[in-house]
Amino acid sequence: MENAIQIPLLTLLFSAAISENVALYYFLGICPLISISADLKASFNMGLTVSLVMLITTAANWAIYHLLLQPMELEYLQLLFFVLIIAATVQLLELFLDRFFPSIYEVFGIFLPLITVNCAILGVSMFAVLREYSLIQSLVFAAGSGMGWCLVICIIASVRRRINIDAVPVHLGKTGITMLIAAVIALAFSGVSELMSGGF
């Protein structure tokens, strides 16, 4: 009985992190990937923060939708409530980091408030509701999506550190090379997914 519960959750976790990666499959949260992925430490910190916010807001938005909006037949307000929850969570996290971890707060700079408008966070909450996931499934989906997003931004940062930007053609630039790296990672993730599903 326990294995029957664990297998779908593990499949959901793997799918969210690799085969349906929120950044590479749905193209959500691309702006921070391009802007902050030049620094590995900042990328890792951003990835962890996005993952934490994604997990908290998905749980809160699931509860708001199922315990408040659905019973009152106000489902059409879900987008408004989801955005408000995300903004409030990021503001609280920003205050917490500023108060207790000022060095991490300084590293983020302007990028921390930008988590509020990271469409990957909103997208995960929306997918969890649209796919009618339970609370546990929603949390697993959010954890997998957060880990996948963090993994992608860290891989991009690792590769960009080893590239001589001066050697990149001017017309391609930093944005172009970042998107090429993301495309190669997407191909690799797709290959892993096929291998795990017995596609080869």
N, C-alpha and C. Protein backbone atom coordinates (compact mmCIF):
# COMPACT_ATOMS: atom_id res chain seq x y z
N MET A 1 0.84 -1.21 0.00
CA MET A 1 0.00 0.00 0.00
C MET A 1 0.87 1.25 0.00
N GLU A 2 1.95 1.19 0.80
CA GLU A 2 2.84 2.34 0.91
C GLU A 2 3.54 2.61 -0.42
N ASN A 3 3.98 1.51 -1.11
CA ASN A 3 4.65 1.69 -2.41
C ASN A 3 3.71 2.26 -3.46
N ALA A 4 2.42 1.86 -3.37
CA ALA A 4 1.45 2.37 -4.33
C ALA A 4 1.27 3.88 -4.21
N ILE A 5 1.47 4.41 -2.98
CA ILE A 5 1.38 5.85 -2.77
C ILE A 5 2.68 6.53 -3.19
N GLN A 6 3.81 5.90 -2.89
CA GLN A 6 5.10 6.53 -3.15
C GLN A 6 5.43 6.61 -4.64
N ILE A 7 5.08 5.59 -5.42
CA ILE A 7 5.47 5.57 -6.83
C ILE A 7 4.87 6.75 -7.59
N PRO A 8 3.56 7.02 -7.50
CA PRO A 8 3.05 8.20 -8.22
C PRO A 8 3.67 9.51 -7.74
N LEU A 9 3.94 9.63 -6.44
CA LEU A 9 4.55 10.86 -5.93
C LEU A 9 5.98 11.02 -6.44
N LEU A 10 6.72 9.89 -6.50
CA LEU A 10 8.08 9.96 -7.05
C LEU A 10 8.06 10.28 -8.54
N THR A 11 7.09 9.71 -9.23
CA THR A 11 6.93 10.02 -10.66
C THR A 11 6.59 11.49 -10.85
N LEU A 12 5.71 12.00 -10.01
CA LEU A 12 5.33 13.42 -10.08
C LEU A 12 6.53 14.31 -9.78
N LEU A 13 7.33 13.93 -8.79
CA LEU A 13 8.53 14.70 -8.43
C LEU A 13 9.52 14.73 -9.59
N PHE A 14 9.77 13.55 -10.19
CA PHE A 14 10.70 13.47 -11.31
C PHE A 14 10.18 14.25 -12.52
N SER A 15 8.90 14.10 -12.78
CA SER A 15 8.30 14.80 -13.92
C SER A 15 8.40 16.31 -13.76
N ALA A 16 8.10 16.80 -12.55
CA ALA A 16 8.16 18.25 -12.31
C ALA A 16 9.58 18.78 -12.39
N ALA A 17 10.55 17.99 -11.94
CA ALA A 17 11.94 18.47 -11.91
C ALA A 17 12.65 18.32 -13.25
N ILE A 18 12.36 17.25 -13.99
CA ILE A 18 13.14 16.95 -15.19
C ILE A 18 12.31 16.99 -16.47
N SER A 19 11.38 16.04 -16.61
CA SER A 19 10.71 15.89 -17.92
C SER A 19 9.76 17.03 -18.25
N GLU A 20 9.14 17.64 -17.23
CA GLU A 20 8.29 18.82 -17.46
C GLU A 20 8.81 19.99 -16.63
N ASN A 21 10.10 20.21 -16.77
CA ASN A 21 10.76 21.29 -16.02
C ASN A 21 10.07 22.62 -16.32
N VAL A 22 9.75 23.33 -15.25
CA VAL A 22 8.95 24.56 -15.40
C VAL A 22 9.65 25.62 -16.25
N ALA A 23 10.97 25.63 -16.25
CA ALA A 23 11.71 26.62 -17.05
C ALA A 23 11.91 26.15 -18.48
N LEU A 24 12.26 24.89 -18.66
CA LEU A 24 12.64 24.40 -19.98
C LEU A 24 11.47 23.86 -20.79
N TYR A 25 10.43 23.37 -20.11
CA TYR A 25 9.29 22.78 -20.80
C TYR A 25 8.17 23.79 -20.99
N TYR A 26 7.93 24.60 -19.95
CA TYR A 26 6.85 25.60 -20.01
C TYR A 26 7.36 27.02 -20.24
N PHE A 27 8.69 27.21 -20.23
CA PHE A 27 9.31 28.53 -20.44
C PHE A 27 8.82 29.55 -19.42
N LEU A 28 8.71 29.13 -18.17
CA LEU A 28 8.30 30.03 -17.09
C LEU A 28 9.52 30.35 -16.22
N GLY A 29 9.61 31.60 -15.80
CA GLY A 29 10.73 32.01 -14.95
C GLY A 29 12.02 32.19 -15.72
N ILE A 30 11.93 32.55 -16.99
CA ILE A 30 13.11 32.68 -17.85
C ILE A 30 13.91 33.95 -17.53
N CYS A 31 13.24 35.03 -17.17
CA CYS A 31 13.94 36.30 -16.93
C CYS A 31 15.05 36.18 -15.89
N PRO A 32 14.80 35.59 -14.71
CA PRO A 32 15.91 35.43 -13.75
C PRO A 32 16.99 34.50 -14.27
N LEU A 33 16.63 33.50 -15.07
CA LEU A 33 17.64 32.60 -15.63
C LEU A 33 18.64 33.39 -16.47
N ILE A 34 18.14 34.35 -17.21
CA ILE A 34 19.02 35.15 -18.07
C ILE A 34 19.80 36.18 -17.26
N SER A 35 19.12 36.84 -16.32
CA SER A 35 19.74 37.99 -15.65
C SER A 35 20.69 37.63 -14.52
N ILE A 36 20.41 36.57 -13.78
CA ILE A 36 21.23 36.31 -12.58
C ILE A 36 22.14 35.10 -12.73
N SER A 37 22.02 34.37 -13.85
CA SER A 37 22.76 33.11 -13.97
C SER A 37 24.23 33.28 -14.32
N ALA A 38 24.77 34.48 -14.24
CA ALA A 38 26.20 34.66 -14.47
C ALA A 38 27.02 34.35 -13.22
N ASP A 39 26.40 34.34 -12.05
CA ASP A 39 27.07 34.11 -10.78
C ASP A 39 26.49 32.85 -10.15
N LEU A 40 27.33 31.83 -9.94
CA LEU A 40 26.85 30.54 -9.43
C LEU A 40 26.29 30.65 -8.02
N LYS A 41 26.96 31.39 -7.15
CA LYS A 41 26.49 31.51 -5.77
C LYS A 41 25.14 32.24 -5.72
N ALA A 42 25.04 33.33 -6.46
CA ALA A 42 23.77 34.06 -6.51
C ALA A 42 22.68 33.21 -7.14
N SER A 43 23.03 32.42 -8.15
CA SER A 43 22.06 31.55 -8.80
C SER A 43 21.54 30.49 -7.83
N PHE A 44 22.45 29.91 -7.05
CA PHE A 44 22.04 28.89 -6.08
C PHE A 44 21.14 29.50 -5.01
N ASN A 45 21.52 30.67 -4.50
CA ASN A 45 20.69 31.35 -3.51
C ASN A 45 19.32 31.70 -4.08
N MET A 46 19.29 32.19 -5.32
CA MET A 46 18.02 32.50 -5.96
C MET A 46 17.19 31.24 -6.16
N GLY A 47 17.84 30.16 -6.58
CA GLY A 47 17.13 28.89 -6.77
C GLY A 47 16.50 28.38 -5.50
N LEU A 48 17.25 28.46 -4.40
CA LEU A 48 16.71 28.02 -3.11
C LEU A 48 15.54 28.90 -2.68
N THR A 49 15.69 30.20 -2.87
CA THR A 49 14.62 31.12 -2.47
C THR A 49 13.37 30.91 -3.31
N VAL A 50 13.54 30.76 -4.62
CA VAL A 50 12.40 30.51 -5.49
C VAL A 50 11.71 29.20 -5.10
N SER A 51 12.52 28.17 -4.80
CA SER A 51 11.96 26.87 -4.39
C SER A 51 11.15 27.00 -3.11
N LEU A 52 11.70 27.74 -2.14
CA LEU A 52 11.00 27.94 -0.86
C LEU A 52 9.70 28.70 -1.06
N VAL A 53 9.76 29.80 -1.82
CA VAL A 53 8.56 30.59 -2.09
C VAL A 53 7.53 29.76 -2.86
N MET A 54 8.01 28.96 -3.81
CA MET A 54 7.12 28.12 -4.60
C MET A 54 6.38 27.12 -3.72
N LEU A 55 7.10 26.51 -2.78
CA LEU A 55 6.50 25.52 -1.88
C LEU A 55 5.47 26.17 -0.96
N ILE A 56 5.83 27.31 -0.35
CA ILE A 56 4.92 27.99 0.58
C ILE A 56 3.68 28.50 -0.14
N THR A 57 3.88 29.14 -1.28
CA THR A 57 2.74 29.75 -1.97
C THR A 57 1.83 28.70 -2.61
N THR A 58 2.40 27.59 -3.06
CA THR A 58 1.55 26.53 -3.61
C THR A 58 0.64 25.97 -2.54
N ALA A 59 1.19 25.73 -1.35
CA ALA A 59 0.37 25.22 -0.24
C ALA A 59 -0.70 26.25 0.15
N ALA A 60 -0.30 27.52 0.27
CA ALA A 60 -1.25 28.56 0.66
C ALA A 60 -2.32 28.75 -0.40
N ASN A 61 -1.91 28.76 -1.67
CA ASN A 61 -2.88 28.95 -2.74
C ASN A 61 -3.83 27.77 -2.88
N TRP A 62 -3.32 26.56 -2.64
CA TRP A 62 -4.19 25.37 -2.66
C TRP A 62 -5.26 25.50 -1.58
N ALA A 63 -4.82 25.91 -0.39
CA ALA A 63 -5.77 26.05 0.72
C ALA A 63 -6.79 27.15 0.43
N ILE A 64 -6.32 28.29 -0.08
CA ILE A 64 -7.23 29.40 -0.41
C ILE A 64 -8.26 28.95 -1.44
N TYR A 65 -7.80 28.24 -2.45
CA TYR A 65 -8.71 27.83 -3.52
C TYR A 65 -9.74 26.82 -3.02
N HIS A 66 -9.27 25.79 -2.31
CA HIS A 66 -10.17 24.68 -1.92
C HIS A 66 -11.01 24.99 -0.69
N LEU A 67 -10.50 25.84 0.20
CA LEU A 67 -11.23 26.10 1.45
C LEU A 67 -12.02 27.41 1.42
N LEU A 68 -11.67 28.31 0.50
CA LEU A 68 -12.36 29.60 0.46
C LEU A 68 -13.08 29.84 -0.87
N LEU A 69 -12.33 29.79 -1.95
CA LEU A 69 -12.90 30.17 -3.25
C LEU A 69 -13.91 29.15 -3.77
N GLN A 70 -13.57 27.87 -3.69
CA GLN A 70 -14.50 26.85 -4.19
C GLN A 70 -15.81 26.81 -3.41
N PRO A 71 -15.77 26.76 -2.07
CA PRO A 71 -17.04 26.73 -1.33
C PRO A 71 -17.92 27.96 -1.58
N MET A 72 -17.29 29.10 -1.83
CA MET A 72 -18.05 30.32 -2.07
C MET A 72 -18.32 30.57 -3.56
N GLU A 73 -17.91 29.61 -4.40
CA GLU A 73 -18.07 29.71 -5.85
C GLU A 73 -17.45 30.99 -6.42
N LEU A 74 -16.24 31.26 -5.94
CA LEU A 74 -15.49 32.44 -6.39
C LEU A 74 -14.21 32.03 -7.11
N GLU A 75 -14.26 30.91 -7.83
CA GLU A 75 -13.07 30.39 -8.49
C GLU A 75 -12.46 31.39 -9.48
N TYR A 76 -13.30 32.25 -10.04
CA TYR A 76 -12.81 33.22 -11.02
C TYR A 76 -11.86 34.26 -10.40
N LEU A 77 -11.79 34.31 -9.07
CA LEU A 77 -10.89 35.24 -8.39
C LEU A 77 -9.54 34.60 -8.04
N GLN A 78 -9.32 33.38 -8.50
CA GLN A 78 -8.11 32.67 -8.08
C GLN A 78 -6.83 33.41 -8.48
N LEU A 79 -6.79 33.96 -9.67
CA LEU A 79 -5.58 34.66 -10.10
C LEU A 79 -5.25 35.83 -9.18
N LEU A 80 -6.25 36.61 -8.82
CA LEU A 80 -6.05 37.74 -7.91
C LEU A 80 -5.51 37.28 -6.56
N PHE A 81 -6.13 36.26 -5.99
CA PHE A 81 -5.71 35.76 -4.69
C PHE A 81 -4.31 35.15 -4.76
N PHE A 82 -4.03 34.40 -5.83
CA PHE A 82 -2.73 33.76 -5.96
C PHE A 82 -1.61 34.81 -6.03
N VAL A 83 -1.83 35.86 -6.80
CA VAL A 83 -0.81 36.91 -6.92
C VAL A 83 -0.61 37.63 -5.58
N LEU A 84 -1.70 37.89 -4.87
CA LEU A 84 -1.59 38.53 -3.55
C LEU A 84 -0.82 37.68 -2.57
N ILE A 85 -1.08 36.37 -2.56
CA ILE A 85 -0.36 35.45 -1.66
C ILE A 85 1.13 35.43 -2.00
N ILE A 86 1.44 35.38 -3.29
CA ILE A 86 2.85 35.36 -3.70
C ILE A 86 3.54 36.66 -3.30
N ALA A 87 2.90 37.80 -3.54
CA ALA A 87 3.50 39.09 -3.18
C ALA A 87 3.72 39.20 -1.67
N ALA A 88 2.74 38.77 -0.89
CA ALA A 88 2.87 38.84 0.57
C ALA A 88 3.98 37.92 1.06
N THR A 89 4.09 36.73 0.50
CA THR A 89 5.14 35.79 0.91
C THR A 89 6.52 36.34 0.60
N VAL A 90 6.69 36.91 -0.59
CA VAL A 90 8.00 37.48 -0.95
C VAL A 90 8.35 38.67 -0.06
N GLN A 91 7.37 39.50 0.26
CA GLN A 91 7.63 40.64 1.15
C GLN A 91 8.08 40.17 2.53
N LEU A 92 7.41 39.16 3.07
CA LEU A 92 7.79 38.61 4.38
C LEU A 92 9.19 37.99 4.32
N LEU A 93 9.47 37.28 3.24
CA LEU A 93 10.79 36.68 3.09
C LEU A 93 11.87 37.75 2.97
N GLU A 94 11.56 38.82 2.25
CA GLU A 94 12.51 39.92 2.09
C GLU A 94 12.81 40.57 3.45
N LEU A 95 11.78 40.81 4.25
CA LEU A 95 11.98 41.36 5.59
C LEU A 95 12.79 40.43 6.47
N PHE A 96 12.50 39.12 6.37
CA PHE A 96 13.22 38.12 7.17
C PHE A 96 14.70 38.09 6.80
N LEU A 97 15.01 38.05 5.50
CA LEU A 97 16.41 38.02 5.07
C LEU A 97 17.14 39.31 5.43
N ASP A 98 16.47 40.44 5.28
CA ASP A 98 17.07 41.72 5.61
C ASP A 98 17.41 41.80 7.10
N ARG A 99 16.55 41.22 7.92
CA ARG A 99 16.73 41.29 9.38
C ARG A 99 17.77 40.29 9.88
N PHE A 100 17.70 39.02 9.39
CA PHE A 100 18.51 37.95 9.96
C PHE A 100 19.68 37.51 9.08
N PHE A 101 19.59 37.71 7.76
CA PHE A 101 20.66 37.29 6.86
C PHE A 101 20.98 38.43 5.88
N PRO A 102 21.53 39.53 6.39
CA PRO A 102 21.78 40.70 5.52
C PRO A 102 22.75 40.42 4.38
N SER A 103 23.69 39.49 4.57
CA SER A 103 24.64 39.19 3.48
C SER A 103 23.92 38.56 2.29
N ILE A 104 22.99 37.64 2.56
CA ILE A 104 22.21 37.03 1.47
C ILE A 104 21.31 38.08 0.84
N TYR A 105 20.74 38.94 1.68
CA TYR A 105 19.87 40.00 1.18
C TYR A 105 20.64 40.92 0.23
N GLU A 106 21.89 41.23 0.56
CA GLU A 106 22.71 42.10 -0.28
C GLU A 106 23.05 41.42 -1.60
N VAL A 107 23.28 40.09 -1.55
CA VAL A 107 23.60 39.36 -2.78
C VAL A 107 22.45 39.44 -3.77
N PHE A 108 21.22 39.31 -3.27
CA PHE A 108 20.05 39.33 -4.14
C PHE A 108 19.83 40.71 -4.76
N GLY A 109 20.01 41.76 -3.95
CA GLY A 109 19.79 43.11 -4.46
C GLY A 109 18.39 43.28 -5.02
N ILE A 110 18.32 43.75 -6.25
CA ILE A 110 17.03 44.03 -6.90
C ILE A 110 16.30 42.75 -7.30
N PHE A 111 17.03 41.61 -7.33
CA PHE A 111 16.42 40.38 -7.82
C PHE A 111 15.43 39.77 -6.84
N LEU A 112 15.57 40.05 -5.54
CA LEU A 112 14.65 39.48 -4.57
C LEU A 112 13.21 39.96 -4.78
N PRO A 113 12.97 41.26 -4.92
CA PRO A 113 11.58 41.68 -5.21
C PRO A 113 11.06 41.13 -6.54
N LEU A 114 11.97 40.81 -7.46
CA LEU A 114 11.53 40.28 -8.75
C LEU A 114 10.95 38.87 -8.64
N ILE A 115 11.19 38.18 -7.52
CA ILE A 115 10.57 36.87 -7.32
C ILE A 115 9.06 37.00 -7.32
N THR A 116 8.57 38.15 -6.89
CA THR A 116 7.12 38.40 -6.88
C THR A 116 6.53 38.22 -8.27
N VAL A 117 7.26 38.65 -9.29
CA VAL A 117 6.73 38.56 -10.65
C VAL A 117 7.32 37.38 -11.42
N ASN A 118 7.93 36.45 -10.72
CA ASN A 118 8.44 35.24 -11.38
C ASN A 118 7.24 34.37 -11.74
N CYS A 119 6.97 34.27 -13.03
CA CYS A 119 5.76 33.56 -13.47
C CYS A 119 5.84 32.06 -13.18
N ALA A 120 7.03 31.52 -12.91
CA ALA A 120 7.14 30.10 -12.58
C ALA A 120 6.40 29.80 -11.28
N ILE A 121 6.48 30.71 -10.32
CA ILE A 121 5.83 30.50 -9.02
C ILE A 121 4.32 30.51 -9.19
N LEU A 122 3.81 31.47 -9.92
CA LEU A 122 2.37 31.52 -10.19
C LEU A 122 1.94 30.32 -11.03
N GLY A 123 2.76 29.95 -12.01
CA GLY A 123 2.42 28.83 -12.88
C GLY A 123 2.27 27.52 -12.14
N VAL A 124 3.14 27.27 -11.16
CA VAL A 124 3.06 26.02 -10.39
C VAL A 124 1.76 25.97 -9.60
N SER A 125 1.38 27.08 -8.97
CA SER A 125 0.11 27.12 -8.23
C SER A 125 -1.08 26.90 -9.15
N MET A 126 -1.03 27.52 -10.33
CA MET A 126 -2.12 27.36 -11.29
C MET A 126 -2.22 25.92 -11.80
N PHE A 127 -1.07 25.32 -12.11
CA PHE A 127 -1.08 23.93 -12.59
C PHE A 127 -1.62 22.98 -11.53
N ALA A 128 -1.24 23.22 -10.26
CA ALA A 128 -1.69 22.35 -9.18
C ALA A 128 -3.21 22.38 -9.06
N VAL A 129 -3.81 23.55 -9.26
CA VAL A 129 -5.27 23.67 -9.18
C VAL A 129 -5.93 23.10 -10.44
N LEU A 130 -5.39 23.44 -11.61
CA LEU A 130 -5.98 22.97 -12.87
C LEU A 130 -5.93 21.45 -13.01
N ARG A 131 -4.88 20.85 -12.49
CA ARG A 131 -4.73 19.39 -12.58
C ARG A 131 -5.43 18.67 -11.43
N GLU A 132 -6.05 19.44 -10.54
CA GLU A 132 -6.80 18.90 -9.41
C GLU A 132 -5.95 17.99 -8.52
N TYR A 133 -4.73 18.46 -8.23
CA TYR A 133 -3.85 17.73 -7.32
C TYR A 133 -4.36 17.85 -5.89
N SER A 134 -4.11 16.82 -5.09
CA SER A 134 -4.36 16.91 -3.66
C SER A 134 -3.29 17.82 -3.05
N LEU A 135 -3.43 18.11 -1.75
CA LEU A 135 -2.43 18.96 -1.09
C LEU A 135 -1.05 18.33 -1.15
N ILE A 136 -0.96 17.01 -0.86
CA ILE A 136 0.33 16.32 -0.88
C ILE A 136 0.91 16.34 -2.30
N GLN A 137 0.08 16.04 -3.28
CA GLN A 137 0.55 16.07 -4.67
C GLN A 137 1.01 17.48 -5.07
N SER A 138 0.28 18.49 -4.62
CA SER A 138 0.65 19.87 -4.93
C SER A 138 2.01 20.22 -4.32
N LEU A 139 2.25 19.78 -3.09
CA LEU A 139 3.53 20.04 -2.43
C LEU A 139 4.67 19.32 -3.14
N VAL A 140 4.43 18.07 -3.54
CA VAL A 140 5.45 17.31 -4.26
C VAL A 140 5.73 17.96 -5.61
N PHE A 141 4.68 18.38 -6.30
CA PHE A 141 4.83 19.06 -7.58
C PHE A 141 5.61 20.36 -7.41
N ALA A 142 5.30 21.13 -6.37
CA ALA A 142 6.00 22.39 -6.12
C ALA A 142 7.46 22.14 -5.76
N ALA A 143 7.72 21.10 -4.95
CA ALA A 143 9.11 20.77 -4.58
C ALA A 143 9.90 20.35 -5.81
N GLY A 144 9.31 19.51 -6.65
CA GLY A 144 10.00 19.08 -7.87
C GLY A 144 10.24 20.24 -8.83
N SER A 145 9.24 21.10 -8.98
CA SER A 145 9.39 22.26 -9.86
C SER A 145 10.47 23.20 -9.35
N GLY A 146 10.49 23.43 -8.03
CA GLY A 146 11.51 24.29 -7.44
C GLY A 146 12.91 23.72 -7.60
N MET A 147 13.04 22.40 -7.35
CA MET A 147 14.35 21.75 -7.51
C MET A 147 14.81 21.81 -8.96
N GLY A 148 13.87 21.58 -9.88
CA GLY A 148 14.21 21.62 -11.30
C GLY A 148 14.65 23.01 -11.74
N TRP A 149 13.93 24.04 -11.27
CA TRP A 149 14.29 25.42 -11.63
C TRP A 149 15.66 25.78 -11.05
N CYS A 150 15.90 25.37 -9.80
CA CYS A 150 17.19 25.64 -9.15
C CYS A 150 18.32 24.91 -9.89
N LEU A 151 18.06 23.67 -10.28
CA LEU A 151 19.07 22.89 -11.01
C LEU A 151 19.43 23.56 -12.33
N VAL A 152 18.43 24.02 -13.06
CA VAL A 152 18.68 24.65 -14.36
C VAL A 152 19.48 25.94 -14.21
N ILE A 153 19.11 26.80 -13.27
CA ILE A 153 19.83 28.07 -13.13
C ILE A 153 21.27 27.84 -12.67
N CYS A 154 21.49 26.79 -11.84
CA CYS A 154 22.85 26.48 -11.39
C CYS A 154 23.69 25.89 -12.51
N ILE A 155 23.09 25.04 -13.35
CA ILE A 155 23.84 24.48 -14.49
C ILE A 155 24.21 25.60 -15.46
N ILE A 156 23.26 26.48 -15.75
CA ILE A 156 23.54 27.59 -16.65
C ILE A 156 24.67 28.47 -16.09
N ALA A 157 24.61 28.76 -14.78
CA ALA A 157 25.66 29.58 -14.16
C ALA A 157 27.02 28.88 -14.23
N SER A 158 27.04 27.56 -14.03
CA SER A 158 28.30 26.80 -14.08
C SER A 158 28.91 26.85 -15.48
N VAL A 159 28.06 26.69 -16.49
CA VAL A 159 28.56 26.71 -17.87
C VAL A 159 29.01 28.13 -18.26
N ARG A 160 28.21 29.13 -17.88
CA ARG A 160 28.56 30.51 -18.25
C ARG A 160 29.87 30.95 -17.62
N ARG A 161 30.22 30.40 -16.45
CA ARG A 161 31.49 30.74 -15.82
C ARG A 161 32.68 30.31 -16.66
N ARG A 162 32.47 29.25 -17.44
CA ARG A 162 33.56 28.68 -18.21
C ARG A 162 33.62 29.20 -19.66
N ILE A 163 32.71 30.09 -19.99
CA ILE A 163 32.67 30.63 -21.34
C ILE A 163 33.30 32.02 -21.34
N ASN A 164 34.19 32.23 -22.30
CA ASN A 164 34.78 33.55 -22.48
C ASN A 164 33.78 34.40 -23.28
N ILE A 165 33.09 35.30 -22.57
CA ILE A 165 32.04 36.11 -23.20
C ILE A 165 32.61 36.96 -24.34
N ASP A 166 33.90 37.34 -24.23
CA ASP A 166 34.51 38.15 -25.30
C ASP A 166 34.59 37.38 -26.61
N ALA A 167 34.61 36.03 -26.51
CA ALA A 167 34.70 35.22 -27.73
C ALA A 167 33.33 34.95 -28.35
N VAL A 168 32.26 35.31 -27.65
CA VAL A 168 30.91 35.10 -28.16
C VAL A 168 30.60 36.19 -29.19
N PRO A 169 30.03 35.83 -30.34
CA PRO A 169 29.69 36.86 -31.34
C PRO A 169 28.81 37.95 -30.73
N VAL A 170 29.05 39.18 -31.16
CA VAL A 170 28.35 40.34 -30.61
C VAL A 170 26.84 40.21 -30.76
N HIS A 171 26.39 39.69 -31.89
CA HIS A 171 24.96 39.59 -32.15
C HIS A 171 24.29 38.54 -31.27
N LEU A 172 25.08 37.60 -30.77
CA LEU A 172 24.54 36.57 -29.88
C LEU A 172 24.47 37.11 -28.45
N GLY A 173 25.57 37.60 -27.94
CA GLY A 173 25.62 38.23 -26.63
C GLY A 173 25.33 37.29 -25.47
N LYS A 174 25.23 37.85 -24.27
CA LYS A 174 25.01 37.05 -23.07
C LYS A 174 23.64 36.37 -23.08
N THR A 175 22.62 37.08 -23.54
CA THR A 175 21.27 36.52 -23.57
C THR A 175 21.21 35.35 -24.54
N GLY A 176 21.79 35.53 -25.72
CA GLY A 176 21.77 34.47 -26.72
C GLY A 176 22.50 33.23 -26.27
N ILE A 177 23.68 33.40 -25.67
CA ILE A 177 24.46 32.24 -25.22
C ILE A 177 23.75 31.53 -24.07
N THR A 178 23.07 32.30 -23.21
CA THR A 178 22.30 31.70 -22.13
C THR A 178 21.16 30.85 -22.67
N MET A 179 20.47 31.36 -23.69
CA MET A 179 19.38 30.59 -24.28
C MET A 179 19.88 29.34 -24.99
N LEU A 180 21.07 29.42 -25.61
CA LEU A 180 21.65 28.23 -26.23
C LEU A 180 22.00 27.18 -25.18
N ILE A 181 22.55 27.62 -24.05
CA ILE A 181 22.86 26.69 -22.97
C ILE A 181 21.58 26.04 -22.45
N ALA A 182 20.54 26.85 -22.28
CA ALA A 182 19.26 26.32 -21.81
C ALA A 182 18.70 25.30 -22.80
N ALA A 183 18.87 25.54 -24.10
CA ALA A 183 18.38 24.61 -25.12
C ALA A 183 19.11 23.27 -25.02
N VAL A 184 20.42 23.30 -24.81
CA VAL A 184 21.19 22.06 -24.67
C VAL A 184 20.77 21.31 -23.41
N ILE A 185 20.55 22.04 -22.31
CA ILE A 185 20.08 21.40 -21.08
C ILE A 185 18.71 20.77 -21.29
N ALA A 186 17.83 21.47 -22.03
CA ALA A 186 16.50 20.93 -22.31
C ALA A 186 16.60 19.62 -23.10
N LEU A 187 17.52 19.56 -24.06
CA LEU A 187 17.73 18.33 -24.81
C LEU A 187 18.23 17.21 -23.90
N ALA A 188 19.14 17.55 -22.99
CA ALA A 188 19.67 16.55 -22.06
C ALA A 188 18.56 16.03 -21.14
N PHE A 189 17.74 16.94 -20.61
CA PHE A 189 16.64 16.54 -19.74
C PHE A 189 15.64 15.66 -20.49
N SER A 190 15.39 16.02 -21.75
CA SER A 190 14.47 15.22 -22.57
C SER A 190 15.02 13.82 -22.78
N GLY A 191 16.33 13.72 -23.01
CA GLY A 191 16.97 12.41 -23.17
C GLY A 191 16.88 11.57 -21.91
N VAL A 192 17.10 12.20 -20.76
CA VAL A 192 16.97 11.48 -19.48
C VAL A 192 15.55 10.98 -19.29
N SER A 193 14.57 11.81 -19.62
CA SER A 193 13.16 11.42 -19.49
C SER A 193 12.83 10.22 -20.37
N GLU A 194 13.32 10.27 -21.61
CA GLU A 194 13.08 9.14 -22.53
C GLU A 194 13.74 7.88 -22.02
N LEU A 195 14.96 8.02 -21.49
CA LEU A 195 15.69 6.86 -20.96
C LEU A 195 14.96 6.25 -19.78
N MET A 196 14.46 7.10 -18.87
CA MET A 196 13.76 6.62 -17.70
C MET A 196 12.42 5.96 -18.06
N SER A 197 11.81 6.42 -19.14
CA SER A 197 10.52 5.86 -19.55
C SER A 197 10.69 4.68 -20.51
N GLY A 198 11.92 4.29 -20.79
CA GLY A 198 12.18 3.15 -21.66
C GLY A 198 12.05 3.49 -23.13
N GLY A 199 12.27 4.77 -23.47
CA GLY A 199 12.12 5.20 -24.85
C GLY A 199 13.24 4.76 -25.76
N PHE A 200 14.43 4.41 -25.19
CA PHE A 200 15.55 4.01 -26.03
C PHE A 200 15.61 2.50 -26.12
